[in-house]
Protein backbone atom coordinates (compact mmCIF):
# COMPACT_ATOMS: atom_id res chain seq x y z
CA UNK A 1 0.00 0.00 0.00
CA UNK A 2 2.79 2.42 0.88
CA UNK A 3 4.58 1.52 -2.35
CA UNK A 4 1.58 2.64 -4.39
CA UNK A 5 1.45 5.95 -2.47
CA UNK A 6 5.13 6.51 -3.21
CA UNK A 7 4.62 5.70 -6.89
CA UNK A 8 1.67 8.08 -7.19
CA UNK A 9 3.54 10.86 -5.37
CA UNK A 10 6.65 10.46 -7.53
CA UNK A 11 4.56 10.48 -10.73
CA UNK A 12 2.78 13.63 -9.63
CA UNK A 13 6.08 15.30 -8.72
CA UNK A 14 7.51 14.48 -12.13
CA UNK A 15 4.36 15.40 -14.05
CA UNK A 16 3.81 18.71 -12.24
CA UNK A 17 7.41 19.59 -11.46
CA UNK A 18 7.07 23.38 -11.54
CA UNK A 19 3.91 23.41 -9.44
CA UNK A 20 5.46 20.94 -6.98
CA UNK A 21 8.63 23.01 -6.70
CA UNK A 22 6.62 26.15 -5.93
CA UNK A 23 4.58 24.32 -3.28
CA UNK A 24 7.59 22.71 -1.59
CA UNK A 25 9.49 26.01 -1.61
CA UNK A 26 6.54 27.85 -0.09
CA UNK A 27 6.12 25.20 2.58
CA UNK A 28 9.80 25.33 3.53
CA UNK A 29 9.80 29.15 3.68
CA UNK A 30 6.70 29.09 5.87
CA UNK A 31 8.17 26.55 8.27
CA UNK A 32 11.42 28.53 8.46
CA UNK A 33 9.54 31.77 9.19
CA UNK A 34 7.48 30.08 11.91
CA UNK A 35 10.63 28.64 13.50
CA UNK A 36 12.36 32.02 13.53
CA UNK A 37 9.27 33.67 15.03
CA UNK A 38 8.98 31.06 17.78
CA UNK A 39 12.67 31.25 18.62
CA UNK A 40 12.52 35.07 18.77
CA UNK A 41 9.44 35.13 21.01
CA UNK A 42 10.84 32.53 23.39
CA UNK A 43 14.17 34.36 23.55
CA UNK A 44 12.47 37.62 24.47
CA UNK A 45 10.26 35.90 27.04
CA UNK A 46 13.26 34.32 28.75
CA UNK A 47 15.17 37.58 28.59
CA UNK A 48 12.27 39.48 30.20
CA UNK A 49 11.89 36.83 32.90
CA UNK A 50 15.59 36.98 33.75
CA UNK A 51 15.60 40.77 33.82
CA UNK A 52 12.79 41.04 36.35
CA UNK A 53 11.48 37.68 37.64
CA UNK A 54 8.86 39.14 40.00
CA UNK A 55 7.22 41.22 37.29
CA UNK A 56 7.09 38.27 34.87
CA UNK A 57 5.36 36.10 37.49
CA UNK A 58 2.68 38.74 38.16
CA UNK A 59 1.51 38.82 34.54
C-alpha atoms as a PDB file:
ATOM      1  CA  UNK A   1       0.000   0.000   0.000  1.00  0.00           C
ATOM      2  CA  UNK A   2       2.792   2.416   0.879  1.00  0.00           C
ATOM      3  CA  UNK A   3       4.579   1.521  -2.354  1.00  0.00           C
ATOM      4  CA  UNK A   4       1.583   2.638  -4.385  1.00  0.00           C
ATOM      5  CA  UNK A   5       1.451   5.954  -2.474  1.00  0.00           C
ATOM      6  CA  UNK A   6       5.131   6.515  -3.211  1.00  0.00           C
ATOM      7  CA  UNK A   7       4.617   5.705  -6.894  1.00  0.00           C
ATOM      8  CA  UNK A   8       1.667   8.081  -7.185  1.00  0.00           C
ATOM      9  CA  UNK A   9       3.544  10.857  -5.371  1.00  0.00           C
ATOM     10  CA  UNK A  10       6.646  10.465  -7.528  1.00  0.00           C
ATOM     11  CA  UNK A  11       4.562  10.476 -10.731  1.00  0.00           C
ATOM     12  CA  UNK A  12       2.777  13.634  -9.631  1.00  0.00           C
ATOM     13  CA  UNK A  13       6.079  15.300  -8.715  1.00  0.00           C
ATOM     14  CA  UNK A  14       7.508  14.479 -12.132  1.00  0.00           C
ATOM     15  CA  UNK A  15       4.360  15.396 -14.053  1.00  0.00           C
ATOM     16  CA  UNK A  16       3.809  18.706 -12.241  1.00  0.00           C
ATOM     17  CA  UNK A  17       7.410  19.587 -11.457  1.00  0.00           C
ATOM     18  CA  UNK A  18       7.071  23.384 -11.540  1.00  0.00           C
ATOM     19  CA  UNK A  19       3.908  23.406  -9.440  1.00  0.00           C
ATOM     20  CA  UNK A  20       5.460  20.936  -6.981  1.00  0.00           C
ATOM     21  CA  UNK A  21       8.629  23.011  -6.698  1.00  0.00           C
ATOM     22  CA  UNK A  22       6.620  26.147  -5.930  1.00  0.00           C
ATOM     23  CA  UNK A  23       4.582  24.321  -3.282  1.00  0.00           C
ATOM     24  CA  UNK A  24       7.594  22.706  -1.595  1.00  0.00           C
ATOM     25  CA  UNK A  25       9.487  26.011  -1.609  1.00  0.00           C
ATOM     26  CA  UNK A  26       6.535  27.853  -0.093  1.00  0.00           C
ATOM     27  CA  UNK A  27       6.124  25.205   2.585  1.00  0.00           C
ATOM     28  CA  UNK A  28       9.797  25.331   3.529  1.00  0.00           C
ATOM     29  CA  UNK A  29       9.800  29.150   3.677  1.00  0.00           C
ATOM     30  CA  UNK A  30       6.696  29.093   5.867  1.00  0.00           C
ATOM     31  CA  UNK A  31       8.174  26.546   8.270  1.00  0.00           C
ATOM     32  CA  UNK A  32      11.420  28.531   8.457  1.00  0.00           C
ATOM     33  CA  UNK A  33       9.538  31.772   9.194  1.00  0.00           C
ATOM     34  CA  UNK A  34       7.480  30.077  11.905  1.00  0.00           C
ATOM     35  CA  UNK A  35      10.630  28.638  13.502  1.00  0.00           C
ATOM     36  CA  UNK A  36      12.357  32.016  13.525  1.00  0.00           C
ATOM     37  CA  UNK A  37       9.275  33.672  15.028  1.00  0.00           C
ATOM     38  CA  UNK A  38       8.979  31.057  17.785  1.00  0.00           C
ATOM     39  CA  UNK A  39      12.673  31.252  18.622  1.00  0.00           C
ATOM     40  CA  UNK A  40      12.516  35.066  18.768  1.00  0.00           C
ATOM     41  CA  UNK A  41       9.442  35.129  21.006  1.00  0.00           C
ATOM     42  CA  UNK A  42      10.835  32.533  23.387  1.00  0.00           C
ATOM     43  CA  UNK A  43      14.171  34.363  23.547  1.00  0.00           C
ATOM     44  CA  UNK A  44      12.475  37.622  24.468  1.00  0.00           C
ATOM     45  CA  UNK A  45      10.261  35.905  27.036  1.00  0.00           C
ATOM     46  CA  UNK A  46      13.257  34.323  28.745  1.00  0.00           C
ATOM     47  CA  UNK A  47      15.174  37.580  28.590  1.00  0.00           C
ATOM     48  CA  UNK A  48      12.273  39.476  30.201  1.00  0.00           C
ATOM     49  CA  UNK A  49      11.891  36.828  32.899  1.00  0.00           C
ATOM     50  CA  UNK A  50      15.587  36.983  33.747  1.00  0.00           C
ATOM     51  CA  UNK A  51      15.603  40.773  33.822  1.00  0.00           C
ATOM     52  CA  UNK A  52      12.785  41.038  36.350  1.00  0.00           C
ATOM     53  CA  UNK A  53      11.482  37.682  37.637  1.00  0.00           C
ATOM     54  CA  UNK A  54       8.863  39.136  40.002  1.00  0.00           C
ATOM     55  CA  UNK A  55       7.216  41.221  37.287  1.00  0.00           C
ATOM     56  CA  UNK A  56       7.094  38.267  34.865  1.00  0.00           C
ATOM     57  CA  UNK A  57       5.363  36.104  37.487  1.00  0.00           C
ATOM     58  CA  UNK A  58       2.684  38.741  38.159  1.00  0.00           C
ATOM     59  CA  UNK A  59       1.507  38.821  34.535  1.00  0.00           C
END
